[in-house]
C-alpha atoms as a PDB file:
ATOM      1  CA  ASN A   1     -13.138  -0.782   2.047  1.00  0.00           C
ATOM      2  CA  GLY A   2     -13.064  -2.586  -1.484  1.00  0.00           C
ATOM      3  CA  MET A   3     -10.534  -0.374  -2.887  1.00  0.00           C
ATOM      4  CA  ARG A   4      -7.329  -1.804  -4.700  1.00  0.00           C
ATOM      5  CA  TYR A   5      -3.889  -0.140  -5.143  1.00  0.00           C
ATOM      6  CA  ILE A   6      -1.600  -2.123  -7.809  1.00  0.00           C
ATOM      7  CA  ALA A   7       2.074  -0.976  -7.195  1.00  0.00           C
ATOM      8  CA  PRO A   8       4.212  -2.338 -10.374  1.00  0.00           C
ATOM      9  CA  ARG A   9       7.449  -2.421  -9.086  1.00  0.00           C
ATOM     10  CA  LYS A  10      11.244  -2.798 -10.462  1.00  0.00           C
ATOM     11  CA  VAL A  11      12.190  -6.534  -9.168  1.00  0.00           C
ATOM     12  CA  GLY A  12      15.514  -8.289  -8.778  1.00  0.00           C
ATOM     13  CA  GLU A  13      16.685 -11.483  -7.962  1.00  0.00           C
ATOM     14  CA  HIS A  14      14.031 -14.006  -6.442  1.00  0.00           C
ATOM     15  CA  ASP A  15      11.546 -11.203  -6.626  1.00  0.00           C
ATOM     16  CA  VAL A  16      12.657  -9.220  -4.171  1.00  0.00           C
ATOM     17  CA  LEU A  17      11.978  -5.160  -4.980  1.00  0.00           C
ATOM     18  CA  TYR A  18      14.396  -2.630  -5.654  1.00  0.00           C
ATOM     19  CA  GLY A  19      13.253  -0.268  -3.135  1.00  0.00           C
ATOM     20  CA  SER A  20       9.301  -0.757  -1.606  1.00  0.00           C
ATOM     21  CA  VAL A  21       5.921   0.402  -1.266  1.00  0.00           C
ATOM     22  CA  THR A  22       5.094   2.469   1.981  1.00  0.00           C
ATOM     23  CA  SER A  23       2.354   3.693   3.977  1.00  0.00           C
ATOM     24  CA  GLY A  24       3.464   7.378   1.557  1.00  0.00           C
ATOM     25  CA  ASP A  25       2.682   5.710  -1.203  1.00  0.00           C
ATOM     26  CA  ILE A  26      -0.551   4.196   0.002  1.00  0.00           C
ATOM     27  CA  ALA A  27      -1.453   7.655   1.031  1.00  0.00           C
ATOM     28  CA  GLU A  28      -0.338   9.101  -2.023  1.00  0.00           C
ATOM     29  CA  PHE A  29      -2.467   6.722  -4.529  1.00  0.00           C
ATOM     30  CA  LEU A  30      -5.694   7.326  -1.718  1.00  0.00           C
ATOM     31  CA  ARG A  31      -5.223  11.355  -2.483  1.00  0.00           C
ATOM     32  CA  ALA A  32      -5.014  10.825  -6.041  1.00  0.00           C
ATOM     33  CA  LYS A  33      -8.575   9.167  -5.843  1.00  0.00           C
ATOM     34  CA  GLY A  34     -10.028  12.040  -3.639  1.00  0.00           C
ATOM     35  CA  ILE A  35      -9.423  10.866  -0.226  1.00  0.00           C
ATOM     36  CA  ASP A  36      -7.197  12.703   1.953  1.00  0.00           C
ATOM     37  CA  ILE A  37      -5.594  10.186   4.607  1.00  0.00           C
ATOM     38  CA  ASP A  38      -2.532  10.818   6.839  1.00  0.00           C
ATOM     39  CA  LYS A  39       0.078   8.534   5.868  1.00  0.00           C
ATOM     40  CA  ARG A  40       0.326   7.474   9.965  1.00  0.00           C
ATOM     41  CA  LYS A  41      -2.822   6.291   9.837  1.00  0.00           C
ATOM     42  CA  ILE A  42      -1.916   3.372   7.349  1.00  0.00           C
ATOM     43  CA  GLN A  43      -1.364   0.408   9.339  1.00  0.00           C
ATOM     44  CA  LEU A  44       2.075  -0.936   7.854  1.00  0.00           C
ATOM     45  CA  ASP A  45       4.267  -2.605  10.195  1.00  0.00           C
ATOM     46  CA  GLU A  46       7.238  -2.262   7.828  1.00  0.00           C
ATOM     47  CA  PRO A  47       7.703  -1.219   3.889  1.00  0.00           C
ATOM     48  CA  ILE A  48       6.418  -4.077   1.217  1.00  0.00           C
ATOM     49  CA  LYS A  49       9.625  -5.402  -0.511  1.00  0.00           C
ATOM     50  CA  HIS A  50       7.887  -8.603  -1.984  1.00  0.00           C
ATOM     51  CA  LEU A  51       5.305  -9.396  -4.928  1.00  0.00           C
ATOM     52  CA  GLY A  52       2.041 -10.008  -3.938  1.00  0.00           C
ATOM     53  CA  ASP A  53      -1.359  -9.150  -2.193  1.00  0.00           C
ATOM     54  CA  TYR A  54      -1.568  -7.734   1.022  1.00  0.00           C
ATOM     55  CA  GLU A  55      -4.450  -6.171   2.896  1.00  0.00           C
ATOM     56  CA  VAL A  56      -3.738  -2.893   4.544  1.00  0.00           C
ATOM     57  CA  LYS A  57      -5.512  -1.228   7.677  1.00  0.00           C
ATOM     58  CA  ILE A  58      -6.617   2.125   7.900  1.00  0.00           C
ATOM     59  CA  LYS A  59      -7.368   3.533  10.852  1.00  0.00           C
ATOM     60  CA  LEU A  60     -10.048   6.639  10.237  1.00  0.00           C
ATOM     61  CA  HIS A  61     -11.233   6.934  13.910  1.00  0.00           C
ATOM     62  CA  PRO A  62     -10.609   5.245  17.035  1.00  0.00           C
ATOM     63  CA  GLU A  63     -13.189   2.500  16.510  1.00  0.00           C
ATOM     64  CA  VAL A  64     -13.210   2.994  12.731  1.00  0.00           C
ATOM     65  CA  THR A  65     -10.279   0.826  10.408  1.00  0.00           C
ATOM     66  CA  ALA A  66     -10.967   0.439   6.399  1.00  0.00           C
ATOM     67  CA  THR A  67      -8.976  -2.015   4.723  1.00  0.00           C
ATOM     68  CA  VAL A  68      -6.948  -1.502   1.240  1.00  0.00           C
ATOM     69  CA  LYS A  69      -5.901  -4.400  -0.992  1.00  0.00           C
ATOM     70  CA  VAL A  70      -2.531  -3.674  -2.396  1.00  0.00           C
ATOM     71  CA  VAL A  71      -0.956  -5.669  -4.966  1.00  0.00           C
ATOM     72  CA  VAL A  72       2.276  -5.434  -5.846  1.00  0.00           C
ATOM     73  CA  THR A  73       3.443  -6.391  -9.118  1.00  0.00           C
ATOM     74  CA  LYS A  74       6.506  -6.559 -11.663  1.00  0.00           C
ATOM     75  CA  GLU A  75       7.059  -3.191 -13.218  1.00  0.00           C
ATOM     76  CA  GLY A  76       6.911  -3.519 -17.031  1.00  0.00           C
END
């Protein structure tokens, strides 16, 4: 809990992302921080395609869930 992932992305018209932020991207970020999480445990209903702040839940154990704040910003 309390981790924050800032994901700069290229955006098009109406601040819609070219591409998206996926559970794989979040798992890769966590791995870089020394936390090995299977991307299937990251509870992201669909890839993030808009700028903004998102709370993403990670199921660590059947009774334990952590939250990562994902901040999607304009690249550059």
